[in-house]
Amino acid sequence: MSNPLLAIPDGAGVTVIPIEGADPSLSGPLTEALVEALIDQEVPATAGGALTNGLLLEGKAHWQDGTAQVDWWLTDHQGHQVALVQVEMPATRTAYQQGYPLLIQELAKKGADLVANALRPNAMVLSGETGPRSVAVVGVDGAPGDGNTALAKAMTAVLKEAGVVIADMADKATLLLAGSVLQGEPKDGVEEITIRWWLMDATGKVLGTLQQSNLVPQGSLSEEWGSAAFDATLANVQAIQDILGKIDRVRSVQPAQ
């Protein structure tokens, strides 16, 4: 079952392609497990359609002499290789061919760690940024009802009201803000709504993340969010401003080579 948190707005993050060389019983679950592990590492990731300006993560797997090996390589939207990582795990042929859950989780965790380390600089920095900082809300995904649109509009409005410079177009912004919503299973007439925001530089590098979870009456957000969208975004404004303040203080730091 698809996790709504895996779908990140176009133009940011990593698209994970199912690996080659393995049975679907391994390839499919490993793809979703890797996406979840990347998100846990604060790397926006999706197993959906390709991102226009994001990174593509492809992989190839094979089993030999009691070892499962996966090679993953990252390329940018121009096809240039950004990083290459390799993961090896002891495994029986049966575990590899049938996609044992433990093997999948270990491959995904180690792969996500290596990918995140390859993407993460030693210091927070806005690469190549000049001039005033500006933010573009590039979208929200996974929300029930009109939540995707409502949350994006509300976040744009409250940030502007708070004095943050808002860019009309993502390609004109120095910072990008992407959101995603996970709707929990209803229980006893209530359901948990989790909203996560990623603040990124123009290259898609994550500078900070925010997450909030609230219990709401079952179905109350299945159509119109109304004021709930503003309530949800207002709760994050101060935290976003704190991240922006930290970014301003490290603008002179050079990226890791």
Protein backbone atom coordinates (compact mmCIF):
# COMPACT_ATOMS: atom_id res chain seq x y z
CA MET A 1 0.00 0.00 0.00
CA SER A 2 1.37 3.41 -1.00
CA ASN A 3 2.39 5.76 1.78
CA PRO A 4 1.25 9.36 1.11
CA LEU A 5 4.46 10.61 2.70
CA LEU A 6 6.35 9.06 -0.19
CA ALA A 7 4.93 11.49 -2.75
CA ILE A 8 6.88 14.75 -2.66
CA PRO A 9 6.00 17.74 -4.88
CA ASP A 10 7.67 17.97 -8.28
CA GLY A 11 11.09 19.56 -8.42
CA ALA A 12 12.53 18.45 -5.08
CA GLY A 13 13.94 15.32 -3.50
CA VAL A 14 14.76 11.85 -4.79
CA THR A 15 12.73 9.55 -7.05
CA VAL A 16 13.52 5.88 -6.33
CA ILE A 17 13.23 3.51 -9.29
CA PRO A 18 12.64 -0.22 -8.63
CA ILE A 19 15.94 -2.05 -8.73
CA GLU A 20 16.91 -4.33 -11.60
CA GLY A 21 18.14 -7.89 -11.31
CA ALA A 22 15.78 -9.03 -8.55
CA ASP A 23 12.41 -10.73 -8.34
CA PRO A 24 9.41 -8.38 -7.81
CA SER A 25 9.00 -9.87 -4.33
CA LEU A 26 12.28 -8.13 -3.42
CA SER A 27 12.34 -5.20 -5.84
CA GLY A 28 8.92 -3.71 -4.99
CA PRO A 29 9.12 -3.89 -1.18
CA LEU A 30 12.76 -2.73 -1.22
CA THR A 31 11.79 0.34 -3.23
CA GLU A 32 9.14 1.38 -0.70
CA ALA A 33 11.37 0.49 2.26
CA LEU A 34 14.19 2.61 0.84
CA VAL A 35 11.87 5.58 0.33
CA GLU A 36 10.66 5.34 3.93
CA ALA A 37 14.23 5.02 5.18
CA LEU A 38 15.28 8.08 3.18
CA ILE A 39 12.41 10.08 4.66
CA ASP A 40 13.53 8.97 8.12
CA GLN A 41 16.92 10.46 7.17
CA GLU A 42 15.13 13.74 6.29
CA VAL A 43 15.67 13.21 2.56
CA PRO A 44 12.42 13.90 0.63
CA ALA A 45 11.79 10.82 -1.49
CA THR A 46 9.10 9.29 -3.68
CA ALA A 47 8.47 6.04 -5.52
CA GLY A 48 6.09 7.82 -7.90
CA GLY A 49 6.67 9.67 -11.14
CA ALA A 50 10.02 11.19 -11.99
CA LEU A 51 10.80 14.63 -10.59
CA THR A 52 11.54 17.35 -13.12
CA ASN A 53 14.41 18.91 -11.17
CA GLY A 54 15.03 16.27 -8.53
CA LEU A 55 17.47 13.37 -8.30
CA LEU A 56 16.90 9.90 -9.72
CA LEU A 57 18.01 6.87 -7.68
CA GLU A 58 18.44 3.71 -9.72
CA GLY A 59 19.70 0.35 -8.55
CA LYS A 60 20.86 -3.07 -9.63
CA ALA A 61 20.99 -6.14 -7.41
CA HIS A 62 22.48 -9.59 -7.56
CA TRP A 63 23.14 -12.55 -5.27
CA GLN A 64 26.39 -14.52 -5.21
CA ASP A 65 28.09 -16.83 -2.73
CA GLY A 66 25.76 -16.09 0.18
CA THR A 67 25.76 -12.31 -0.29
CA ALA A 68 23.05 -9.98 -1.58
CA GLN A 69 24.49 -6.84 -3.17
CA VAL A 70 22.72 -3.70 -4.36
CA ASP A 71 24.42 -0.87 -6.25
CA TRP A 72 22.50 2.41 -6.22
CA TRP A 73 23.48 5.46 -8.27
CA LEU A 74 22.09 8.98 -8.09
CA THR A 75 21.81 11.18 -11.15
CA ASP A 76 20.57 14.75 -11.48
CA HIS A 77 17.92 15.96 -13.95
CA GLN A 78 20.63 16.38 -16.60
CA GLY A 79 21.78 12.77 -16.24
CA HIS A 80 25.00 13.56 -14.40
CA GLN A 81 25.99 11.05 -11.71
CA VAL A 82 25.90 12.57 -8.25
CA ALA A 83 26.81 9.56 -6.12
CA LEU A 84 27.28 5.79 -6.21
CA VAL A 85 26.68 3.61 -3.15
CA GLN A 86 26.98 -0.13 -2.64
CA VAL A 87 25.36 -2.29 0.02
CA GLU A 88 26.17 -5.91 0.80
CA MET A 89 24.31 -8.21 3.19
CA PRO A 90 24.76 -11.91 4.04
CA ALA A 91 21.69 -13.72 2.70
CA THR A 92 20.56 -17.11 1.52
CA ARG A 93 19.45 -17.50 -2.07
CA THR A 94 15.90 -18.15 -0.84
CA ALA A 95 15.84 -14.95 1.23
CA TYR A 96 17.05 -12.97 -1.79
CA GLN A 97 14.68 -14.54 -4.28
CA GLN A 98 11.62 -14.36 -2.04
CA GLY A 99 12.34 -10.97 -0.53
CA TYR A 100 12.55 -11.76 3.17
CA PRO A 101 11.39 -8.70 5.19
CA LEU A 102 14.49 -8.58 7.42
CA LEU A 103 16.80 -8.58 4.41
CA ILE A 104 14.76 -5.84 2.76
CA GLN A 105 14.81 -3.65 5.86
CA GLU A 106 18.55 -4.03 6.35
CA LEU A 107 19.33 -3.29 2.69
CA ALA A 108 17.04 -0.25 2.77
CA LYS A 109 18.45 1.13 6.01
CA LYS A 110 22.07 0.80 4.94
CA GLY A 111 21.30 2.16 1.48
CA ALA A 112 19.45 5.18 2.89
CA ASP A 113 22.29 5.92 5.31
CA LEU A 114 24.82 5.97 2.48
CA VAL A 115 22.62 8.03 0.14
CA ALA A 116 21.84 10.56 2.89
CA ASN A 117 25.54 10.90 3.74
CA ALA A 118 26.34 11.45 0.07
CA LEU A 119 23.77 14.24 -0.15
CA ARG A 120 24.34 15.86 3.22
CA PRO A 121 27.06 18.52 3.39
CA ASN A 122 29.22 19.01 6.46
CA ALA A 123 27.61 22.39 7.00
CA MET A 124 24.26 23.97 6.21
CA VAL A 125 24.73 26.28 3.24
CA LEU A 126 22.75 27.79 0.39
CA SER A 127 24.81 26.91 -2.66
CA GLY A 128 25.39 29.83 -4.97
CA GLU A 129 22.83 32.04 -3.26
CA THR A 130 23.07 35.77 -3.77
CA GLY A 131 20.66 38.54 -2.91
CA PRO A 132 17.69 38.43 -0.54
CA ARG A 133 16.36 35.12 0.66
CA SER A 134 12.92 34.12 -0.69
CA VAL A 135 10.70 31.08 -0.16
CA ALA A 136 8.41 29.23 -2.57
CA VAL A 137 5.85 26.73 -1.27
CA VAL A 138 6.20 24.07 -3.97
CA GLY A 139 3.24 21.97 -2.90
CA VAL A 140 1.68 19.50 -0.50
CA ASP A 141 0.71 15.91 -1.26
CA GLY A 142 -1.23 13.10 0.42
CA ALA A 143 -3.93 15.16 2.19
CA PRO A 144 -7.60 14.15 2.08
CA GLY A 145 -10.18 16.51 0.60
CA ASP A 146 -8.84 19.86 -0.56
CA GLY A 147 -5.99 19.69 1.96
CA ASN A 148 -3.13 19.74 -0.56
CA THR A 149 -4.26 23.07 -2.01
CA ALA A 150 -5.54 24.49 1.28
CA LEU A 151 -2.32 23.79 3.19
CA ALA A 152 -0.10 25.21 0.44
CA LYS A 153 -2.18 28.40 0.22
CA ALA A 154 -2.36 28.76 3.99
CA MET A 155 1.39 28.27 4.44
CA THR A 156 2.12 30.85 1.74
CA ALA A 157 -0.26 33.33 3.37
CA VAL A 158 0.98 32.95 6.94
CA LEU A 159 4.65 33.13 5.93
CA LYS A 160 3.98 36.30 3.95
CA GLU A 161 2.10 37.77 6.92
CA ALA A 162 5.10 36.89 9.12
CA GLY A 163 7.38 38.93 6.87
CA VAL A 164 8.96 36.14 4.86
CA VAL A 165 9.64 37.08 1.23
CA ILE A 166 7.54 34.78 -0.97
CA ALA A 167 8.60 33.89 -4.52
CA ASP A 168 5.84 33.32 -7.06
CA MET A 169 7.87 30.75 -8.99
CA ALA A 170 9.99 27.94 -7.59
CA ASP A 171 12.83 28.64 -10.02
CA LYS A 172 13.05 32.21 -8.71
CA ALA A 173 13.20 31.19 -5.03
CA THR A 174 16.31 30.66 -2.94
CA LEU A 175 14.43 28.26 -0.65
CA LEU A 176 11.73 25.66 -1.28
CA LEU A 177 9.12 24.42 1.19
CA ALA A 178 7.39 21.10 0.50
CA GLY A 179 4.75 19.38 2.57
CA SER A 180 3.22 15.93 2.83
CA VAL A 181 0.31 14.51 4.82
CA LEU A 182 -0.21 11.04 6.25
CA GLN A 183 -3.76 10.07 7.25
CA GLY A 184 -3.89 7.40 9.94
CA GLU A 185 -6.42 4.60 10.24
CA PRO A 186 -9.67 5.72 11.97
CA LYS A 187 -10.21 4.40 15.48
CA ASP A 188 -13.03 5.12 17.91
CA GLY A 189 -14.33 7.94 15.75
CA VAL A 190 -11.00 9.80 15.42
CA GLU A 191 -8.03 9.65 13.06
CA GLU A 192 -4.48 10.95 13.26
CA ILE A 193 -3.31 13.48 10.69
CA THR A 194 0.46 13.92 10.41
CA ILE A 195 1.87 16.85 8.44
CA ARG A 196 5.55 17.05 7.59
CA TRP A 197 7.32 20.02 5.99
CA TRP A 198 10.76 20.08 4.37
CA LEU A 199 12.68 23.33 3.92
CA MET A 200 15.25 22.98 1.14
CA ASP A 201 17.68 25.09 -0.80
CA ALA A 202 17.25 25.57 -4.54
CA THR A 203 19.14 22.34 -5.26
CA GLY A 204 16.76 20.25 -3.12
CA LYS A 205 19.20 19.89 -0.23
CA VAL A 206 17.27 19.59 3.06
CA LEU A 207 17.98 22.37 5.55
CA GLY A 208 15.34 21.54 8.13
CA THR A 209 12.20 19.49 8.74
CA LEU A 210 9.05 19.96 10.79
CA GLN A 211 6.39 17.45 11.78
CA GLN A 212 3.12 17.72 13.65
CA SER A 213 0.43 15.16 14.44
CA ASN A 214 -3.11 15.78 15.64
CA LEU A 215 -6.18 13.68 16.32
CA VAL A 216 -9.28 14.92 14.48
CA PRO A 217 -12.85 13.60 14.24
CA GLN A 218 -13.06 10.87 11.63
CA GLY A 219 -13.87 12.28 8.19
CA SER A 220 -13.79 15.92 9.33
CA LEU A 221 -11.12 16.76 6.74
CA SER A 222 -12.39 14.53 3.93
CA GLU A 223 -13.79 17.50 1.98
CA GLU A 224 -12.88 21.07 2.98
CA TRP A 225 -10.13 21.94 5.45
CA GLY A 226 -11.17 25.55 5.93
CA SER A 227 -9.63 27.15 9.02
CA ALA A 228 -7.92 23.86 9.95
CA ALA A 229 -5.35 24.52 7.23
CA PHE A 230 -4.42 27.87 8.79
CA ASP A 231 -4.35 26.38 12.28
CA ALA A 232 -1.95 23.68 11.07
CA THR A 233 0.38 26.14 9.32
CA LEU A 234 0.34 28.78 12.05
CA ALA A 235 1.73 26.17 14.43
CA ASN A 236 4.86 25.90 12.28
CA VAL A 237 5.61 29.54 11.44
CA GLN A 238 7.88 30.21 14.40
CA ALA A 239 9.83 27.00 13.81
CA ILE A 240 10.31 27.91 10.13
CA GLN A 241 11.50 31.39 11.11
CA ASP A 242 13.98 29.79 13.51
CA ILE A 243 15.37 27.66 10.67
CA LEU A 244 15.57 30.71 8.41
CA GLY A 245 17.47 32.56 11.13
CA LYS A 246 20.00 29.75 11.37
CA ILE A 247 20.41 29.76 7.60
CA ASP A 248 21.12 33.49 7.60
CA ARG A 249 23.86 32.97 10.18
CA VAL A 250 25.70 30.36 8.11
CA ARG A 251 25.49 31.92 4.65
CA SER A 252 29.23 32.48 4.59
CA VAL A 253 30.03 28.82 5.25
CA GLN A 254 31.43 27.05 2.19
CA PRO A 255 29.95 23.70 1.10
CA ALA A 256 31.90 20.51 1.75
CA GLN A 257 33.99 19.34 -1.16
